[in-house]
Amino acid sequence: MLHPSYTDLMKVVNSEVEPGEAPVVNSRYSIVMATSKRARQIISGEDPLIDTRQTKPLSIAIEELNQSKIKITHED
């Protein structure tokens, strides 16, 4: 099971959205794509943005997203 949950992660990502604006993410797919992209960056040698005991790149990426260290943006 994923901790934090997808719902919790979507709340964190959308927390800076003003009322009436479209949410940044509205599906689990967006969360999966963002965390997998960040995990690949960590595997490629980028340093984690958080201090953690986690060693798995995906776990680190999820925690970075949960702590708002990384942002999801729309690509236009």
N, C-alpha and C. Protein backbone atom coordinates (compact mmCIF):
# COMPACT_ATOMS: atom_id res chain seq x y z
N MET A 1 0.84 -1.18 0.00
CA MET A 1 0.00 0.00 0.00
C MET A 1 0.88 1.24 0.00
N LEU A 2 0.47 2.23 -0.71
CA LEU A 2 1.22 3.47 -0.83
C LEU A 2 0.92 4.39 0.34
N HIS A 3 1.97 4.84 1.01
CA HIS A 3 1.83 5.82 2.09
C HIS A 3 2.72 6.98 1.74
N PRO A 4 2.25 8.14 1.60
CA PRO A 4 0.87 8.60 1.69
C PRO A 4 0.04 8.10 0.51
N SER A 5 -1.25 8.17 0.65
CA SER A 5 -2.15 7.68 -0.39
C SER A 5 -2.16 8.65 -1.58
N TYR A 6 -2.67 8.17 -2.71
CA TYR A 6 -2.80 9.03 -3.89
C TYR A 6 -3.66 10.26 -3.58
N THR A 7 -4.70 10.06 -2.80
CA THR A 7 -5.58 11.17 -2.44
C THR A 7 -4.82 12.23 -1.65
N ASP A 8 -4.01 11.78 -0.70
CA ASP A 8 -3.21 12.72 0.09
C ASP A 8 -2.21 13.46 -0.79
N LEU A 9 -1.57 12.76 -1.71
CA LEU A 9 -0.61 13.40 -2.60
C LEU A 9 -1.29 14.42 -3.51
N MET A 10 -2.49 14.09 -4.00
CA MET A 10 -3.21 15.04 -4.85
C MET A 10 -3.58 16.29 -4.05
N LYS A 11 -3.92 16.14 -2.78
CA LYS A 11 -4.23 17.30 -1.94
C LYS A 11 -2.99 18.19 -1.77
N VAL A 12 -1.84 17.58 -1.57
CA VAL A 12 -0.59 18.34 -1.41
C VAL A 12 -0.28 19.10 -2.69
N VAL A 13 -0.37 18.43 -3.82
CA VAL A 13 -0.05 19.05 -5.11
C VAL A 13 -1.02 20.19 -5.42
N ASN A 14 -2.28 20.00 -5.11
CA ASN A 14 -3.30 21.01 -5.42
C ASN A 14 -3.50 22.04 -4.30
N SER A 15 -2.68 21.99 -3.27
CA SER A 15 -2.89 22.88 -2.12
C SER A 15 -2.68 24.36 -2.45
N GLU A 16 -1.88 24.66 -3.44
CA GLU A 16 -1.61 26.07 -3.78
C GLU A 16 -2.55 26.62 -4.84
N VAL A 17 -3.52 25.83 -5.27
CA VAL A 17 -4.46 26.26 -6.29
C VAL A 17 -5.52 27.16 -5.64
N GLU A 18 -5.75 28.30 -6.26
CA GLU A 18 -6.76 29.23 -5.76
C GLU A 18 -8.15 28.67 -6.00
N PRO A 19 -9.11 28.99 -5.14
CA PRO A 19 -10.48 28.54 -5.36
C PRO A 19 -11.00 29.01 -6.73
N GLY A 20 -11.62 28.12 -7.45
CA GLY A 20 -12.15 28.43 -8.77
C GLY A 20 -11.22 28.08 -9.90
N GLU A 21 -9.92 27.89 -9.60
CA GLU A 21 -8.97 27.50 -10.63
C GLU A 21 -9.00 25.98 -10.81
N ALA A 22 -8.56 25.55 -11.97
CA ALA A 22 -8.49 24.12 -12.24
C ALA A 22 -7.36 23.50 -11.41
N PRO A 23 -7.58 22.31 -10.87
CA PRO A 23 -6.51 21.67 -10.09
C PRO A 23 -5.33 21.31 -10.98
N VAL A 24 -4.15 21.25 -10.37
CA VAL A 24 -2.94 20.88 -11.10
C VAL A 24 -3.05 19.44 -11.57
N VAL A 25 -3.47 18.56 -10.68
CA VAL A 25 -3.68 17.16 -11.03
C VAL A 25 -5.08 16.74 -10.60
N ASN A 26 -5.66 15.85 -11.37
CA ASN A 26 -6.97 15.32 -10.99
C ASN A 26 -7.05 13.82 -11.21
N SER A 27 -5.87 13.19 -11.37
CA SER A 27 -5.86 11.74 -11.55
C SER A 27 -4.60 11.14 -10.94
N ARG A 28 -4.69 9.89 -10.62
CA ARG A 28 -3.52 9.17 -10.09
C ARG A 28 -2.43 9.06 -11.14
N TYR A 29 -2.82 9.04 -12.39
CA TYR A 29 -1.85 8.92 -13.49
C TYR A 29 -0.83 10.05 -13.42
N SER A 30 -1.27 11.26 -13.14
CA SER A 30 -0.36 12.41 -13.05
C SER A 30 0.65 12.22 -11.91
N ILE A 31 0.19 11.70 -10.80
CA ILE A 31 1.07 11.43 -9.66
C ILE A 31 2.10 10.37 -10.03
N VAL A 32 1.65 9.31 -10.67
CA VAL A 32 2.54 8.22 -11.07
C VAL A 32 3.60 8.73 -12.05
N MET A 33 3.18 9.51 -13.03
CA MET A 33 4.12 10.02 -14.03
C MET A 33 5.15 10.95 -13.39
N ALA A 34 4.71 11.82 -12.51
CA ALA A 34 5.63 12.77 -11.87
C ALA A 34 6.64 12.06 -10.98
N THR A 35 6.18 11.13 -10.16
CA THR A 35 7.10 10.45 -9.25
C THR A 35 8.04 9.52 -10.01
N SER A 36 7.57 8.89 -11.08
CA SER A 36 8.46 8.02 -11.84
C SER A 36 9.52 8.83 -12.57
N LYS A 37 9.15 10.01 -13.07
CA LYS A 37 10.13 10.88 -13.72
C LYS A 37 11.20 11.32 -12.73
N ARG A 38 10.76 11.71 -11.53
CA ARG A 38 11.72 12.13 -10.50
C ARG A 38 12.59 10.96 -10.06
N ALA A 39 12.03 9.77 -9.94
CA ALA A 39 12.81 8.59 -9.56
C ALA A 39 13.89 8.31 -10.60
N ARG A 40 13.57 8.47 -11.89
CA ARG A 40 14.57 8.28 -12.93
C ARG A 40 15.70 9.31 -12.82
N GLN A 41 15.35 10.53 -12.42
CA GLN A 41 16.37 11.56 -12.22
C GLN A 41 17.31 11.17 -11.07
N ILE A 42 16.74 10.64 -10.00
CA ILE A 42 17.55 10.21 -8.86
C ILE A 42 18.44 9.05 -9.26
N ILE A 43 17.92 8.10 -10.02
CA ILE A 43 18.71 6.97 -10.51
C ILE A 43 19.87 7.46 -11.38
N SER A 44 19.62 8.54 -12.14
CA SER A 44 20.64 9.10 -13.02
C SER A 44 21.74 9.84 -12.27
N GLY A 45 21.55 10.05 -10.98
CA GLY A 45 22.60 10.67 -10.19
C GLY A 45 22.25 11.97 -9.50
N GLU A 46 21.04 12.49 -9.71
CA GLU A 46 20.65 13.72 -9.01
C GLU A 46 20.48 13.43 -7.52
N ASP A 47 20.86 14.40 -6.72
CA ASP A 47 20.75 14.24 -5.27
C ASP A 47 19.31 14.38 -4.81
N PRO A 48 18.90 13.58 -3.83
CA PRO A 48 17.57 13.74 -3.25
C PRO A 48 17.44 15.11 -2.61
N LEU A 49 16.24 15.67 -2.61
CA LEU A 49 15.98 16.98 -2.04
C LEU A 49 15.60 16.91 -0.57
N ILE A 50 15.56 15.70 -0.02
CA ILE A 50 15.19 15.50 1.38
C ILE A 50 16.20 14.58 2.05
N ASP A 51 16.29 14.67 3.36
CA ASP A 51 17.08 13.71 4.13
C ASP A 51 16.15 12.57 4.50
N THR A 52 16.54 11.37 4.14
CA THR A 52 15.67 10.23 4.39
C THR A 52 16.49 8.97 4.56
N ARG A 53 15.90 7.99 5.21
CA ARG A 53 16.54 6.68 5.34
C ARG A 53 16.18 5.80 4.15
N GLN A 54 15.24 6.26 3.34
CA GLN A 54 14.81 5.49 2.18
C GLN A 54 15.97 5.34 1.20
N THR A 55 16.03 4.18 0.57
CA THR A 55 17.07 3.96 -0.43
C THR A 55 16.49 3.76 -1.82
N LYS A 56 15.20 3.50 -1.88
CA LYS A 56 14.57 3.28 -3.18
C LYS A 56 14.22 4.62 -3.81
N PRO A 57 14.64 4.82 -5.06
CA PRO A 57 14.38 6.11 -5.72
C PRO A 57 12.91 6.50 -5.78
N LEU A 58 12.01 5.56 -6.01
CA LEU A 58 10.59 5.89 -6.07
C LEU A 58 10.07 6.33 -4.71
N SER A 59 10.50 5.68 -3.65
CA SER A 59 10.09 6.08 -2.31
C SER A 59 10.58 7.49 -1.98
N ILE A 60 11.79 7.80 -2.40
CA ILE A 60 12.34 9.14 -2.19
C ILE A 60 11.52 10.16 -2.96
N ALA A 61 11.19 9.85 -4.22
CA ALA A 61 10.42 10.77 -5.06
C ALA A 61 9.03 11.02 -4.47
N ILE A 62 8.40 9.99 -3.96
CA ILE A 62 7.07 10.14 -3.35
C ILE A 62 7.16 11.04 -2.12
N GLU A 63 8.18 10.84 -1.30
CA GLU A 63 8.33 11.66 -0.10
C GLU A 63 8.66 13.11 -0.47
N GLU A 64 9.45 13.32 -1.52
CA GLU A 64 9.73 14.68 -1.98
C GLU A 64 8.44 15.37 -2.41
N LEU A 65 7.60 14.66 -3.12
CA LEU A 65 6.32 15.23 -3.54
C LEU A 65 5.44 15.53 -2.34
N ASN A 66 5.41 14.62 -1.39
CA ASN A 66 4.59 14.80 -0.19
C ASN A 66 5.05 15.99 0.64
N GLN A 67 6.35 16.27 0.64
CA GLN A 67 6.89 17.40 1.39
C GLN A 67 6.95 18.69 0.55
N SER A 68 6.36 18.65 -0.64
CA SER A 68 6.32 19.81 -1.54
C SER A 68 7.71 20.28 -1.97
N LYS A 69 8.65 19.37 -2.05
CA LYS A 69 9.99 19.71 -2.52
C LYS A 69 10.05 19.71 -4.05
N ILE A 70 9.12 19.01 -4.68
CA ILE A 70 9.01 19.02 -6.13
C ILE A 70 7.59 19.44 -6.49
N LYS A 71 7.44 20.04 -7.64
CA LYS A 71 6.14 20.53 -8.09
C LYS A 71 5.77 19.86 -9.41
N ILE A 72 4.50 19.68 -9.61
CA ILE A 72 3.98 19.17 -10.89
C ILE A 72 3.43 20.37 -11.65
N THR A 73 3.87 20.54 -12.87
CA THR A 73 3.38 21.64 -13.69
C THR A 73 2.80 21.08 -14.98
N HIS A 74 1.94 21.86 -15.61
CA HIS A 74 1.37 21.48 -16.89
C HIS A 74 2.36 21.84 -17.97
N GLU A 75 2.54 20.96 -18.94
CA GLU A 75 3.36 21.27 -20.10
C GLU A 75 2.44 21.72 -21.20
N ASP A 76 2.66 22.92 -21.70
CA ASP A 76 1.82 23.46 -22.78
C ASP A 76 2.50 23.30 -24.11
